[in-house]
Amino acid sequence: MQALTGSLLCGEEHLKSLVSQQISSKLCASQVELLLSNSHGSTCPVTNGHLSQVCSEAMLKMLELMSRLKQHVLDMETCFYRILQDQRMVTPLSLAMTCQRRELVQSALRILFEAAPLPDFPSIM
């Protein structure tokens, strides 16, 4: 799975085509919503640093996937930008930005770069 995700996120067009036929914007949005709900609930509390980091990393991977597929999957772009405007995104993006792992920081920066021009992007960031 990691190799597939890495190849897809690196931009292999053939994989984008295959994945875009099997995934929906609704599925991606529901996964992010589940992670956001759990990161603010008892399953992945902010007080538990490791679980919070895992939730944050999973969200970043899903957002990167959505970003790469937004032109290939129906309504993916709309879902992606709607998620980026959710105030709950502040915590996972902040966790990623302050992480020791370079790839997570870079991923968060890419997402922030896409989100910054949005009118309702959280101003706290």
Foldseek 3Di string as FASTA:
>chain_A
DVVLLVVVLVPDPVSLQVVQVVDALVVLLVLLVVLLVCCVDDNQDVVPPVSNQVSLVVNLSSLSNLVSNVVPHPCSVVSSLVVQLDPSNVSSLVSQCPDPDPVSNVSSVVSCVVRVVDPRHDPVD
